[in-house]
Amino acid sequence: MSTLEVDGVFCISLKDRHDRRAHLVKEFEPLGLNIEFYLAERDDSNPERGCYESHRACAALALQRGYQRVLILEDDATLSMPCESKIRRINTFMKLRNPEIFYLGGMLGRMWLIPYRGVVRAKLTGGHAYLLSRKGMKKISSNPYSGKAVDSVYSTRFKAYASYPLLCDQLPESQVESDIANYRINKKGGGSFKGSDYWAINSKKQGLALKRDAWRTLCMRWL
């Protein structure tokens, strides 16, 4: 069976979230990857900062180990298992272009077609399932938290590509409470809770995003 060609897989999980770790292992079992959990301490005063620094620590650890490519997950990620040909196309693309970041899942955003089937250029948010190249690892690990969420940094400072269609969503927040969502809504006055309806709409909007941003393809904004 084909699987993603990565040197390692980290999944970020708070130390007390045994339930989420059990979910994640079962969810990603079809890929046959060895998942290493990065057990984070809860940052009660600023969960957004805690999340950012956990992602940064995973990138730094991957660099330290000499990884060329790493898959980083959050413990509420879900997976729609792709066919083997889809996985092979992703692996081939990663070898050809070696992008800073490649999303397996995310929240739209923009998407536009490139001359490679099953892959799009993208501006997404969400850090629940993505690949980093060594260049991407260096970039995020050298930039500590400065008041901006990690997914916002990826969206605005990284040249990103994504699987089309996206393969990973997140568990609905009606099932698993999100410290970060609570922080963004109650402390920063932004964001929203994401239930099952949200992810269904997010999936349907992918095709619409390609049509809306077709001009980017015509202008060769995929280079």
N, C-alpha and C. Protein backbone atom coordinates (compact mmCIF):
# COMPACT_ATOMS: atom_id res chain seq x y z
N MET A 1 0.83 -1.20 0.00
CA MET A 1 0.00 0.00 0.00
C MET A 1 0.87 1.25 0.00
N SER A 2 0.55 2.23 -0.84
CA SER A 2 1.27 3.49 -0.87
C SER A 2 0.94 4.33 0.36
N THR A 3 1.91 5.12 0.79
CA THR A 3 1.66 6.06 1.87
C THR A 3 2.47 7.31 1.62
N LEU A 4 2.26 8.33 2.40
CA LEU A 4 2.99 9.58 2.23
C LEU A 4 4.47 9.37 2.55
N GLU A 5 5.32 9.89 1.70
CA GLU A 5 6.76 9.74 1.89
C GLU A 5 7.28 10.89 2.74
N VAL A 6 7.35 10.64 4.02
CA VAL A 6 7.84 11.63 4.98
C VAL A 6 8.86 10.96 5.88
N ASP A 7 9.72 11.77 6.48
CA ASP A 7 10.73 11.23 7.39
C ASP A 7 10.20 11.04 8.80
N GLY A 8 9.11 11.72 9.11
CA GLY A 8 8.53 11.58 10.43
C GLY A 8 7.15 12.22 10.49
N VAL A 9 6.40 11.84 11.52
CA VAL A 9 5.05 12.38 11.74
C VAL A 9 4.94 12.79 13.20
N PHE A 10 4.60 14.05 13.43
CA PHE A 10 4.33 14.53 14.79
C PHE A 10 2.85 14.89 14.90
N CYS A 11 2.26 14.53 16.01
CA CYS A 11 0.90 14.96 16.31
C CYS A 11 0.92 15.72 17.63
N ILE A 12 0.44 16.94 17.60
CA ILE A 12 0.41 17.80 18.78
C ILE A 12 -0.83 17.48 19.61
N SER A 13 -0.61 17.24 20.90
CA SER A 13 -1.71 16.86 21.79
C SER A 13 -1.41 17.34 23.20
N LEU A 14 -2.40 17.92 23.85
CA LEU A 14 -2.24 18.28 25.26
C LEU A 14 -2.09 17.01 26.09
N LYS A 15 -1.28 17.08 27.13
CA LYS A 15 -0.95 15.89 27.91
C LYS A 15 -2.17 15.15 28.44
N ASP A 16 -3.23 15.89 28.76
CA ASP A 16 -4.39 15.25 29.38
C ASP A 16 -5.43 14.77 28.36
N ARG A 17 -5.15 14.88 27.05
CA ARG A 17 -6.14 14.51 26.05
C ARG A 17 -5.90 13.11 25.49
N HIS A 18 -6.00 12.11 26.38
CA HIS A 18 -5.83 10.71 25.96
C HIS A 18 -6.89 10.32 24.93
N ASP A 19 -8.09 10.86 25.08
CA ASP A 19 -9.18 10.51 24.17
C ASP A 19 -8.87 10.94 22.74
N ARG A 20 -8.30 12.11 22.60
CA ARG A 20 -7.98 12.60 21.26
C ARG A 20 -6.85 11.79 20.62
N ARG A 21 -5.90 11.37 21.42
CA ARG A 21 -4.80 10.58 20.86
C ARG A 21 -5.30 9.24 20.35
N ALA A 22 -6.22 8.65 21.08
CA ALA A 22 -6.81 7.38 20.64
C ALA A 22 -7.57 7.58 19.33
N HIS A 23 -8.29 8.69 19.24
CA HIS A 23 -9.00 9.01 17.99
C HIS A 23 -8.03 9.14 16.83
N LEU A 24 -6.94 9.89 17.05
CA LEU A 24 -6.01 10.20 15.96
C LEU A 24 -5.35 8.94 15.43
N VAL A 25 -4.92 8.07 16.32
CA VAL A 25 -4.27 6.82 15.90
C VAL A 25 -5.20 5.99 15.04
N LYS A 26 -6.43 5.85 15.47
CA LYS A 26 -7.41 5.07 14.71
C LYS A 26 -7.72 5.73 13.37
N GLU A 27 -7.85 7.05 13.37
CA GLU A 27 -8.22 7.78 12.16
C GLU A 27 -7.16 7.66 11.07
N PHE A 28 -5.88 7.72 11.46
CA PHE A 28 -4.80 7.72 10.47
C PHE A 28 -4.15 6.35 10.29
N GLU A 29 -4.69 5.34 10.94
CA GLU A 29 -4.16 3.99 10.81
C GLU A 29 -4.06 3.52 9.35
N PRO A 30 -5.04 3.85 8.47
CA PRO A 30 -4.94 3.37 7.08
C PRO A 30 -3.68 3.82 6.35
N LEU A 31 -3.07 4.93 6.76
CA LEU A 31 -1.85 5.39 6.10
C LEU A 31 -0.63 4.58 6.50
N GLY A 32 -0.71 3.87 7.62
CA GLY A 32 0.39 3.02 8.04
C GLY A 32 1.63 3.78 8.48
N LEU A 33 1.47 4.99 8.95
CA LEU A 33 2.60 5.81 9.37
C LEU A 33 2.82 5.70 10.88
N ASN A 34 4.07 5.81 11.29
CA ASN A 34 4.40 5.81 12.71
C ASN A 34 4.23 7.23 13.25
N ILE A 35 3.24 7.42 14.11
CA ILE A 35 2.92 8.75 14.62
C ILE A 35 3.54 8.95 15.99
N GLU A 36 4.32 10.02 16.11
CA GLU A 36 4.94 10.38 17.39
C GLU A 36 4.17 11.57 17.97
N PHE A 37 3.74 11.43 19.20
CA PHE A 37 2.96 12.51 19.82
C PHE A 37 3.88 13.51 20.52
N TYR A 38 3.64 14.77 20.22
CA TYR A 38 4.29 15.85 20.93
C TYR A 38 3.33 16.29 22.02
N LEU A 39 3.64 15.96 23.26
CA LEU A 39 2.74 16.23 24.38
C LEU A 39 3.00 17.62 24.94
N ALA A 40 2.05 18.50 24.71
CA ALA A 40 2.22 19.91 25.06
C ALA A 40 1.60 20.23 26.41
N GLU A 41 2.20 21.19 27.09
CA GLU A 41 1.62 21.73 28.32
C GLU A 41 0.54 22.74 27.95
N ARG A 42 -0.55 22.75 28.69
CA ARG A 42 -1.62 23.70 28.43
C ARG A 42 -1.18 25.12 28.81
N ASP A 43 -1.37 26.06 27.89
CA ASP A 43 -1.08 27.47 28.15
C ASP A 43 -2.41 28.16 28.45
N ASP A 44 -2.79 28.20 29.72
CA ASP A 44 -4.10 28.71 30.10
C ASP A 44 -4.27 30.20 29.79
N SER A 45 -3.20 30.96 29.90
CA SER A 45 -3.32 32.40 29.69
C SER A 45 -3.41 32.77 28.21
N ASN A 46 -2.87 31.92 27.33
CA ASN A 46 -2.90 32.20 25.90
C ASN A 46 -2.77 30.90 25.10
N PRO A 47 -3.87 30.16 24.90
CA PRO A 47 -3.82 28.90 24.15
C PRO A 47 -3.29 29.07 22.73
N GLU A 48 -3.55 30.22 22.12
CA GLU A 48 -3.04 30.48 20.77
C GLU A 48 -1.51 30.45 20.75
N ARG A 49 -0.90 31.06 21.75
CA ARG A 49 0.56 31.04 21.88
C ARG A 49 1.06 29.63 22.11
N GLY A 50 0.37 28.89 22.99
CA GLY A 50 0.77 27.52 23.26
C GLY A 50 0.73 26.67 22.01
N CYS A 51 -0.31 26.84 21.21
CA CYS A 51 -0.44 26.11 19.95
C CYS A 51 0.70 26.47 19.00
N TYR A 52 0.95 27.76 18.85
CA TYR A 52 2.01 28.22 17.96
C TYR A 52 3.35 27.61 18.35
N GLU A 53 3.68 27.70 19.62
CA GLU A 53 4.99 27.21 20.06
C GLU A 53 5.10 25.70 19.95
N SER A 54 3.99 24.99 20.03
CA SER A 54 4.02 23.54 19.83
C SER A 54 4.35 23.20 18.37
N HIS A 55 3.72 23.91 17.44
CA HIS A 55 4.02 23.70 16.02
C HIS A 55 5.48 24.05 15.74
N ARG A 56 5.94 25.12 16.31
CA ARG A 56 7.33 25.55 16.11
C ARG A 56 8.31 24.54 16.69
N ALA A 57 7.97 23.98 17.84
CA ALA A 57 8.83 22.98 18.47
C ALA A 57 8.92 21.72 17.62
N CYS A 58 7.80 21.32 17.01
CA CYS A 58 7.82 20.14 16.13
C CYS A 58 8.71 20.38 14.92
N ALA A 59 8.63 21.57 14.34
CA ALA A 59 9.49 21.90 13.20
C ALA A 59 10.96 21.90 13.61
N ALA A 60 11.26 22.45 14.77
CA ALA A 60 12.64 22.48 15.26
C ALA A 60 13.17 21.08 15.52
N LEU A 61 12.33 20.22 16.08
CA LEU A 61 12.73 18.84 16.35
C LEU A 61 12.99 18.09 15.04
N ALA A 62 12.15 18.33 14.04
CA ALA A 62 12.36 17.70 12.74
C ALA A 62 13.69 18.15 12.13
N LEU A 63 14.00 19.43 12.26
CA LEU A 63 15.29 19.94 11.77
C LEU A 63 16.45 19.27 12.49
N GLN A 64 16.33 19.19 13.81
CA GLN A 64 17.38 18.60 14.63
C GLN A 64 17.66 17.16 14.22
N ARG A 65 16.63 16.44 13.83
CA ARG A 65 16.77 15.04 13.44
C ARG A 65 17.18 14.87 11.98
N GLY A 66 17.30 15.96 11.26
CA GLY A 66 17.72 15.88 9.88
C GLY A 66 16.63 15.51 8.90
N TYR A 67 15.38 15.68 9.29
CA TYR A 67 14.27 15.36 8.39
C TYR A 67 14.27 16.31 7.19
N GLN A 68 13.95 15.76 6.04
CA GLN A 68 13.77 16.57 4.84
C GLN A 68 12.30 16.94 4.66
N ARG A 69 11.43 16.11 5.22
CA ARG A 69 9.98 16.36 5.09
C ARG A 69 9.28 15.79 6.31
N VAL A 70 8.36 16.55 6.90
CA VAL A 70 7.66 16.10 8.10
C VAL A 70 6.17 16.37 7.94
N LEU A 71 5.36 15.46 8.46
CA LEU A 71 3.91 15.65 8.54
C LEU A 71 3.57 16.07 9.96
N ILE A 72 2.87 17.19 10.10
CA ILE A 72 2.46 17.68 11.41
C ILE A 72 0.93 17.65 11.49
N LEU A 73 0.43 17.03 12.54
CA LEU A 73 -1.01 16.88 12.75
C LEU A 73 -1.41 17.49 14.09
N GLU A 74 -2.68 17.83 14.21
CA GLU A 74 -3.28 18.12 15.50
C GLU A 74 -4.22 16.97 15.84
N ASP A 75 -4.44 16.75 17.12
CA ASP A 75 -5.09 15.50 17.54
C ASP A 75 -6.59 15.43 17.27
N ASP A 76 -7.16 16.49 16.68
CA ASP A 76 -8.57 16.43 16.29
C ASP A 76 -8.73 16.30 14.77
N ALA A 77 -7.64 16.01 14.07
CA ALA A 77 -7.71 15.87 12.62
C ALA A 77 -8.47 14.61 12.22
N THR A 78 -9.17 14.70 11.11
CA THR A 78 -9.85 13.54 10.53
C THR A 78 -9.27 13.30 9.14
N LEU A 79 -9.47 12.09 8.63
CA LEU A 79 -8.88 11.71 7.34
C LEU A 79 -9.90 11.04 6.44
N SER A 80 -10.00 11.53 5.21
CA SER A 80 -10.71 10.81 4.15
C SER A 80 -9.64 10.10 3.34
N MET A 81 -9.51 8.81 3.54
CA MET A 81 -8.39 8.06 2.97
C MET A 81 -8.40 8.15 1.44
N PRO A 82 -7.31 8.67 0.85
CA PRO A 82 -7.25 8.79 -0.60
C PRO A 82 -6.88 7.47 -1.26
N CYS A 83 -7.11 7.38 -2.57
CA CYS A 83 -6.69 6.21 -3.32
C CYS A 83 -5.16 6.24 -3.47
N GLU A 84 -4.59 5.10 -3.83
CA GLU A 84 -3.13 5.01 -3.92
C GLU A 84 -2.57 5.94 -4.98
N SER A 85 -3.28 6.10 -6.09
CA SER A 85 -2.77 6.98 -7.15
C SER A 85 -2.69 8.42 -6.67
N LYS A 86 -3.64 8.83 -5.84
CA LYS A 86 -3.62 10.18 -5.27
C LYS A 86 -2.39 10.36 -4.38
N ILE A 87 -2.10 9.40 -3.55
CA ILE A 87 -0.94 9.47 -2.68
C ILE A 87 0.34 9.54 -3.50
N ARG A 88 0.42 8.73 -4.55
CA ARG A 88 1.61 8.74 -5.40
C ARG A 88 1.80 10.10 -6.07
N ARG A 89 0.70 10.72 -6.50
CA ARG A 89 0.80 12.03 -7.14
C ARG A 89 1.31 13.08 -6.14
N ILE A 90 0.83 13.01 -4.90
CA ILE A 90 1.31 13.95 -3.88
C ILE A 90 2.80 13.74 -3.65
N ASN A 91 3.22 12.50 -3.51
CA ASN A 91 4.64 12.21 -3.29
C ASN A 91 5.50 12.73 -4.44
N THR A 92 5.04 12.52 -5.66
CA THR A 92 5.80 12.98 -6.83
C THR A 92 5.88 14.50 -6.85
N PHE A 93 4.77 15.16 -6.55
CA PHE A 93 4.76 16.62 -6.53
C PHE A 93 5.73 17.15 -5.48
N MET A 94 5.74 16.55 -4.31
CA MET A 94 6.63 17.01 -3.25
C MET A 94 8.09 16.89 -3.67
N LYS A 95 8.42 15.85 -4.42
CA LYS A 95 9.80 15.70 -4.91
C LYS A 95 10.12 16.74 -5.97
N LEU A 96 9.14 17.04 -6.83
CA LEU A 96 9.37 17.99 -7.92
C LEU A 96 9.49 19.42 -7.44
N ARG A 97 8.59 19.85 -6.55
CA ARG A 97 8.52 21.26 -6.15
C ARG A 97 9.02 21.53 -4.74
N ASN A 98 8.95 20.53 -3.87
CA ASN A 98 9.41 20.66 -2.49
C ASN A 98 8.94 21.97 -1.85
N PRO A 99 7.62 22.21 -1.81
CA PRO A 99 7.11 23.49 -1.30
C PRO A 99 7.37 23.65 0.20
N GLU A 100 7.34 24.90 0.65
CA GLU A 100 7.52 25.17 2.08
C GLU A 100 6.46 24.44 2.89
N ILE A 101 5.22 24.53 2.44
CA ILE A 101 4.11 23.89 3.15
C ILE A 101 3.13 23.30 2.14
N PHE A 102 2.61 22.13 2.48
CA PHE A 102 1.61 21.45 1.64
C PHE A 102 0.49 21.00 2.56
N TYR A 103 -0.70 21.56 2.33
CA TYR A 103 -1.84 21.26 3.19
C TYR A 103 -2.55 19.97 2.76
N LEU A 104 -2.81 19.12 3.74
CA LEU A 104 -3.74 18.00 3.53
C LEU A 104 -5.16 18.41 3.93
N GLY A 105 -5.27 19.44 4.73
CA GLY A 105 -6.57 19.96 5.16
C GLY A 105 -6.44 21.42 5.52
N GLY A 106 -7.55 22.13 5.48
CA GLY A 106 -7.52 23.54 5.83
C GLY A 106 -8.87 24.18 5.63
N MET A 107 -8.95 25.43 6.02
CA MET A 107 -10.18 26.21 5.89
C MET A 107 -9.99 27.25 4.80
N LEU A 108 -10.93 27.28 3.86
CA LEU A 108 -10.84 28.20 2.72
C LEU A 108 -11.00 29.64 3.23
N GLY A 109 -10.27 30.60 2.66
CA GLY A 109 -9.17 30.57 1.75
C GLY A 109 -9.47 30.67 0.24
N ARG A 110 -8.32 30.63 -0.39
CA ARG A 110 -8.27 30.64 -1.84
C ARG A 110 -7.63 29.36 -2.34
N MET A 111 -8.06 28.97 -3.54
CA MET A 111 -7.48 27.83 -4.23
C MET A 111 -7.46 28.15 -5.72
N TRP A 112 -6.38 27.78 -6.39
CA TRP A 112 -6.41 27.91 -7.85
C TRP A 112 -5.59 26.79 -8.48
N LEU A 113 -6.03 26.41 -9.67
CA LEU A 113 -5.45 25.27 -10.37
C LEU A 113 -4.03 25.56 -10.84
N ILE A 114 -3.23 24.51 -10.87
CA ILE A 114 -1.89 24.54 -11.45
C ILE A 114 -1.82 23.39 -12.44
N PRO A 115 -0.80 23.35 -13.29
CA PRO A 115 -0.72 22.25 -14.26
C PRO A 115 -0.21 20.95 -13.64
N TYR A 116 -0.91 20.51 -12.60
CA TYR A 116 -0.58 19.24 -11.94
C TYR A 116 -1.86 18.72 -11.31
N ARG A 117 -2.31 17.56 -11.76
CA ARG A 117 -3.61 17.04 -11.33
C ARG A 117 -3.60 16.68 -9.84
N GLY A 118 -4.66 17.11 -9.15
CA GLY A 118 -4.84 16.76 -7.75
C GLY A 118 -4.11 17.65 -6.76
N VAL A 119 -3.45 18.71 -7.27
CA VAL A 119 -2.74 19.66 -6.41
C VAL A 119 -3.12 21.07 -6.84
N VAL A 120 -3.29 21.96 -5.89
CA VAL A 120 -3.62 23.36 -6.16
C VAL A 120 -2.70 24.28 -5.36
N ARG A 121 -2.54 25.51 -5.86
CA ARG A 121 -1.97 26.56 -5.01
C ARG A 121 -3.08 27.00 -4.07
N ALA A 122 -2.70 27.42 -2.88
CA ALA A 122 -3.74 27.70 -1.90
C ALA A 122 -3.30 28.72 -0.86
N LYS A 123 -4.28 29.43 -0.35
CA LYS A 123 -4.13 30.25 0.86
C LYS A 123 -5.23 29.80 1.81
N LEU A 124 -4.84 29.01 2.79
CA LEU A 124 -5.79 28.40 3.72
C LEU A 124 -5.41 28.79 5.14
N THR A 125 -6.32 28.55 6.06
CA THR A 125 -5.99 28.60 7.48
C THR A 125 -6.25 27.23 8.08
N GLY A 126 -5.74 27.04 9.29
CA GLY A 126 -5.85 25.73 9.93
C GLY A 126 -4.50 25.04 9.91
N GLY A 127 -4.16 24.42 11.03
CA GLY A 127 -2.87 23.73 11.12
C GLY A 127 -3.04 22.28 11.54
N HIS A 128 -4.17 21.66 11.17
CA HIS A 128 -4.45 20.32 11.69
C HIS A 128 -3.80 19.20 10.88
N ALA A 129 -3.34 19.49 9.63
CA ALA A 129 -2.72 18.43 8.82
C ALA A 129 -1.96 19.06 7.67
N TYR A 130 -0.63 19.06 7.76
CA TYR A 130 0.17 19.66 6.70
C TYR A 130 1.58 19.07 6.70
N LEU A 131 2.22 19.19 5.54
CA LEU A 131 3.60 18.77 5.36
C LEU A 131 4.50 20.00 5.32
N LEU A 132 5.66 19.91 5.92
CA LEU A 132 6.66 20.97 5.82
C LEU A 132 7.92 20.41 5.18
N SER A 133 8.49 21.17 4.25
CA SER A 133 9.82 20.86 3.74
C SER A 133 10.85 21.41 4.73
N ARG A 134 12.11 21.13 4.47
CA ARG A 134 13.15 21.63 5.36
C ARG A 134 13.17 23.16 5.37
N LYS A 135 12.92 23.76 4.21
CA LYS A 135 12.84 25.22 4.15
C LYS A 135 11.71 25.74 5.02
N GLY A 136 10.56 25.07 4.97
CA GLY A 136 9.43 25.47 5.80
C GLY A 136 9.71 25.30 7.28
N MET A 137 10.40 24.21 7.63
CA MET A 137 10.76 23.97 9.03
C MET A 137 11.64 25.10 9.56
N LYS A 138 12.64 25.48 8.77
CA LYS A 138 13.55 26.55 9.19
C LYS A 138 12.81 27.87 9.37
N LYS A 139 11.88 28.12 8.47
CA LYS A 139 11.17 29.40 8.47
C LYS A 139 10.31 29.56 9.72
N ILE A 140 9.53 28.52 10.07
CA ILE A 140 8.64 28.65 11.22
C ILE A 140 9.41 28.52 12.54
N SER A 141 10.42 27.66 12.57
CA SER A 141 11.14 27.44 13.83
C SER A 141 11.97 28.66 14.23
N SER A 142 12.30 29.51 13.28
CA SER A 142 13.10 30.70 13.59
C SER A 142 12.25 31.92 13.91
N ASN A 143 10.93 31.75 13.94
CA ASN A 143 10.03 32.87 14.22
C ASN A 143 9.13 32.57 15.42
N PRO A 144 9.50 33.03 16.61
CA PRO A 144 8.67 32.79 17.80
C PRO A 144 7.34 33.53 17.72
N TYR A 145 6.44 33.15 18.58
CA TYR A 145 5.10 33.75 18.62
C TYR A 145 5.18 35.25 18.84
N SER A 146 4.41 35.99 18.04
CA SER A 146 4.40 37.46 18.15
C SER A 146 2.99 38.01 18.07
N GLY A 147 2.02 37.24 18.58
CA GLY A 147 0.64 37.71 18.61
C GLY A 147 -0.21 37.25 17.46
N LYS A 148 0.36 36.44 16.57
CA LYS A 148 -0.36 35.96 15.40
C LYS A 148 -0.41 34.44 15.45
N ALA A 149 -1.58 33.86 15.18
CA ALA A 149 -1.75 32.40 15.23
C ALA A 149 -0.88 31.73 14.18
N VAL A 150 -0.49 30.49 14.44
CA VAL A 150 0.41 29.78 13.53
C VAL A 150 -0.21 29.62 12.15
N ASP A 151 -1.52 29.35 12.08
CA ASP A 151 -2.12 29.18 10.76
C ASP A 151 -2.18 30.49 9.99
N SER A 152 -2.28 31.61 10.68
CA SER A 152 -2.24 32.91 10.02
C SER A 152 -0.85 33.20 9.46
N VAL A 153 0.17 32.81 10.19
CA VAL A 153 1.54 32.97 9.71
C VAL A 153 1.76 32.12 8.46
N TYR A 154 1.30 30.88 8.49
CA TYR A 154 1.44 30.02 7.31
C TYR A 154 0.70 30.63 6.11
N SER A 155 -0.48 31.17 6.37
CA SER A 155 -1.32 31.69 5.29
C SER A 155 -0.73 32.93 4.63
N THR A 156 -0.05 33.76 5.41
CA THR A 156 0.42 35.04 4.88
C THR A 156 1.90 35.06 4.52
N ARG A 157 2.69 34.16 5.08
CA ARG A 157 4.15 34.24 4.87
C ARG A 157 4.74 33.04 4.13
N PHE A 158 3.94 32.02 3.88
CA PHE A 158 4.44 30.81 3.23
C PHE A 158 3.79 30.63 1.86
N LYS A 159 4.57 30.17 0.88
CA LYS A 159 4.01 29.81 -0.42
C LYS A 159 3.47 28.39 -0.29
N ALA A 160 2.16 28.27 -0.39
CA ALA A 160 1.51 27.00 -0.03
C ALA A 160 0.85 26.33 -1.22
N TYR A 161 0.84 25.01 -1.15
CA TYR A 161 0.09 24.16 -2.07
C TYR A 161 -0.80 23.26 -1.22
N ALA A 162 -1.75 22.61 -1.86
CA ALA A 162 -2.67 21.75 -1.12
C ALA A 162 -3.17 20.62 -2.00
N SER A 163 -3.59 19.56 -1.34
CA SER A 163 -4.28 18.48 -2.03
C SER A 163 -5.64 18.98 -2.50
N TYR A 164 -6.04 18.54 -3.71
CA TYR A 164 -7.40 18.84 -4.16
C TYR A 164 -8.04 17.54 -4.63
N PRO A 165 -9.17 17.17 -4.00
CA PRO A 165 -9.78 17.85 -2.86
C PRO A 165 -8.98 17.65 -1.58
N LEU A 166 -9.28 18.46 -0.58
CA LEU A 166 -8.62 18.32 0.71
C LEU A 166 -8.97 16.98 1.34
N LEU A 167 -8.02 16.42 2.07
CA LEU A 167 -8.17 15.08 2.64
C LEU A 167 -8.53 15.09 4.13
N CYS A 168 -8.27 16.20 4.81
CA CYS A 168 -8.41 16.22 6.27
C CYS A 168 -9.28 17.38 6.75
N ASP A 169 -10.21 17.07 7.63
CA ASP A 169 -11.00 18.06 8.35
C ASP A 169 -10.63 17.97 9.83
N GLN A 170 -11.46 18.54 10.68
CA GLN A 170 -11.30 18.42 12.12
C GLN A 170 -12.59 17.92 12.74
N LEU A 171 -12.46 17.27 13.88
CA LEU A 171 -13.65 16.86 14.61
C LEU A 171 -14.51 18.10 14.90
N PRO A 172 -15.82 18.00 14.76
CA PRO A 172 -16.68 19.15 15.06
C PRO A 172 -16.49 19.61 16.50
N GLU A 173 -16.51 20.91 16.71
CA GLU A 173 -16.31 21.44 18.05
C GLU A 173 -17.51 21.19 18.96
N SER A 174 -18.59 20.65 18.39
CA SER A 174 -19.70 20.18 19.23
C SER A 174 -19.31 18.88 19.94
N GLN A 175 -18.32 18.17 19.40
CA GLN A 175 -17.84 16.92 19.99
C GLN A 175 -16.62 17.14 20.88
N VAL A 176 -15.73 18.03 20.44
CA VAL A 176 -14.50 18.29 21.19
C VAL A 176 -14.31 19.79 21.34
N GLU A 177 -14.28 20.27 22.56
CA GLU A 177 -14.14 21.70 22.81
C GLU A 177 -12.74 22.16 22.43
N SER A 178 -12.65 23.34 21.85
CA SER A 178 -11.38 23.91 21.42
C SER A 178 -10.99 25.08 22.32
N ASP A 179 -9.86 24.94 23.01
CA ASP A 179 -9.35 26.04 23.83
C ASP A 179 -9.03 27.26 22.96
N ILE A 180 -8.49 27.00 21.77
CA ILE A 180 -8.08 28.10 20.90
C ILE A 180 -9.30 28.86 20.38
N ALA A 181 -10.33 28.12 19.98
CA ALA A 181 -11.56 28.78 19.51
C ALA A 181 -12.15 29.65 20.61
N ASN A 182 -12.19 29.11 21.82
CA ASN A 182 -12.70 29.90 22.95
C ASN A 182 -11.88 31.17 23.16
N TYR A 183 -10.56 31.04 23.05
CA TYR A 183 -9.67 32.19 23.25
C TYR A 183 -9.90 33.24 22.17
N ARG A 184 -9.97 32.80 20.91
CA ARG A 184 -10.14 33.76 19.81
C ARG A 184 -11.47 34.49 19.90
N ILE A 185 -12.51 33.77 20.27
CA ILE A 185 -13.84 34.37 20.33
C ILE A 185 -13.98 35.28 21.55
N ASN A 186 -13.56 34.78 22.71
CA ASN A 186 -13.80 35.50 23.96
C ASN A 186 -12.75 36.57 24.26
N LYS A 187 -11.51 36.34 23.83
CA LYS A 187 -10.43 37.28 24.16
C LYS A 187 -10.07 38.20 23.00
N LYS A 188 -10.10 37.66 21.77
CA LYS A 188 -9.66 38.46 20.63
C LYS A 188 -10.82 38.97 19.77
N GLY A 189 -12.03 38.49 20.07
CA GLY A 189 -13.19 38.98 19.34
C GLY A 189 -13.27 38.53 17.90
N GLY A 190 -12.73 37.36 17.60
CA GLY A 190 -12.77 36.84 16.23
C GLY A 190 -12.95 35.35 16.23
N GLY A 191 -13.12 34.77 15.03
CA GLY A 191 -13.28 33.33 14.92
C GLY A 191 -14.70 32.89 15.19
N SER A 192 -14.92 31.60 15.07
CA SER A 192 -16.25 31.04 15.30
C SER A 192 -16.09 29.57 15.64
N PHE A 193 -17.15 28.97 16.21
CA PHE A 193 -17.13 27.54 16.48
C PHE A 193 -17.45 26.79 15.19
N LYS A 194 -16.76 25.68 14.99
CA LYS A 194 -16.86 24.94 13.73
C LYS A 194 -17.49 23.57 13.99
N GLY A 195 -18.77 23.46 13.65
CA GLY A 195 -19.48 22.20 13.80
C GLY A 195 -19.41 21.37 12.53
N SER A 196 -20.17 20.29 12.49
CA SER A 196 -20.15 19.40 11.32
C SER A 196 -20.65 20.12 10.07
N ASP A 197 -21.62 21.03 10.23
CA ASP A 197 -22.12 21.79 9.08
C ASP A 197 -21.02 22.65 8.47
N TYR A 198 -20.18 23.21 9.31
CA TYR A 198 -19.09 24.05 8.81
C TYR A 198 -18.19 23.26 7.87
N TRP A 199 -17.81 22.04 8.29
CA TRP A 199 -16.88 21.26 7.47
C TRP A 199 -17.54 20.77 6.19
N ALA A 200 -18.82 20.49 6.24
CA ALA A 200 -19.53 20.10 5.01
C ALA A 200 -19.53 21.24 4.01
N ILE A 201 -19.79 22.46 4.49
CA ILE A 201 -19.78 23.63 3.62
C ILE A 201 -18.37 23.91 3.11
N ASN A 202 -17.38 23.78 3.98
CA ASN A 202 -15.99 24.00 3.59
C ASN A 202 -15.59 23.07 2.44
N SER A 203 -16.07 21.84 2.50
CA SER A 203 -15.78 20.88 1.43
C SER A 203 -16.45 21.27 0.12
N LYS A 204 -17.70 21.67 0.20
CA LYS A 204 -18.44 22.04 -1.01
C LYS A 204 -17.87 23.29 -1.67
N LYS A 205 -17.29 24.17 -0.89
CA LYS A 205 -16.79 25.44 -1.42
C LYS A 205 -15.49 25.30 -2.20
N GLN A 206 -14.86 24.13 -2.14
CA GLN A 206 -13.57 23.99 -2.82
C GLN A 206 -13.70 24.20 -4.33
N GLY A 207 -14.72 23.58 -4.92
CA GLY A 207 -14.94 23.75 -6.35
C GLY A 207 -15.25 25.19 -6.72
N LEU A 208 -16.03 25.87 -5.88
CA LEU A 208 -16.36 27.27 -6.11
C LEU A 208 -15.12 28.15 -6.02
N ALA A 209 -14.22 27.80 -5.11
CA ALA A 209 -12.98 28.57 -4.96
C ALA A 209 -12.15 28.50 -6.23
N LEU A 210 -12.10 27.33 -6.87
CA LEU A 210 -11.33 27.19 -8.10
C LEU A 210 -11.90 28.08 -9.20
N LYS A 211 -13.22 28.15 -9.28
CA LYS A 211 -13.85 29.01 -10.29
C LYS A 211 -13.59 30.49 -9.99
N ARG A 212 -13.74 30.86 -8.73
CA ARG A 212 -13.55 32.26 -8.34
C ARG A 212 -12.13 32.74 -8.61
N ASP A 213 -11.17 31.85 -8.39
CA ASP A 213 -9.76 32.23 -8.54
C ASP A 213 -9.15 31.73 -9.83
N ALA A 214 -9.98 31.44 -10.84
CA ALA A 214 -9.47 30.96 -12.12
C ALA A 214 -8.53 31.97 -12.76
N TRP A 215 -8.76 33.26 -12.51
CA TRP A 215 -7.88 34.28 -13.09
C TRP A 215 -6.44 34.12 -12.61
N ARG A 216 -6.27 33.60 -11.41
CA ARG A 216 -4.92 33.39 -10.90
C ARG A 216 -4.21 32.31 -11.71
N THR A 217 -4.96 31.29 -12.11
CA THR A 217 -4.39 30.26 -12.97
C THR A 217 -4.03 30.85 -14.33
N LEU A 218 -4.94 31.63 -14.91
CA LEU A 218 -4.71 32.23 -16.22
C LEU A 218 -3.51 33.18 -16.21
N CYS A 219 -3.30 33.82 -15.07
CA CYS A 219 -2.15 34.73 -14.93
C CYS A 219 -0.89 34.01 -14.47
N MET A 220 -0.96 32.68 -14.45
CA MET A 220 0.18 31.84 -14.07
C MET A 220 0.68 32.17 -12.67
N ARG A 221 -0.27 32.39 -11.76
CA ARG A 221 0.09 32.67 -10.37
C ARG A 221 0.50 31.42 -9.62
N TRP A 222 0.68 30.32 -10.32
CA TRP A 222 1.13 29.08 -9.69
C TRP A 222 2.64 28.93 -9.74
N LEU A 223 3.34 29.84 -10.42
CA LEU A 223 4.79 29.73 -10.55
C LEU A 223 5.47 30.03 -9.22
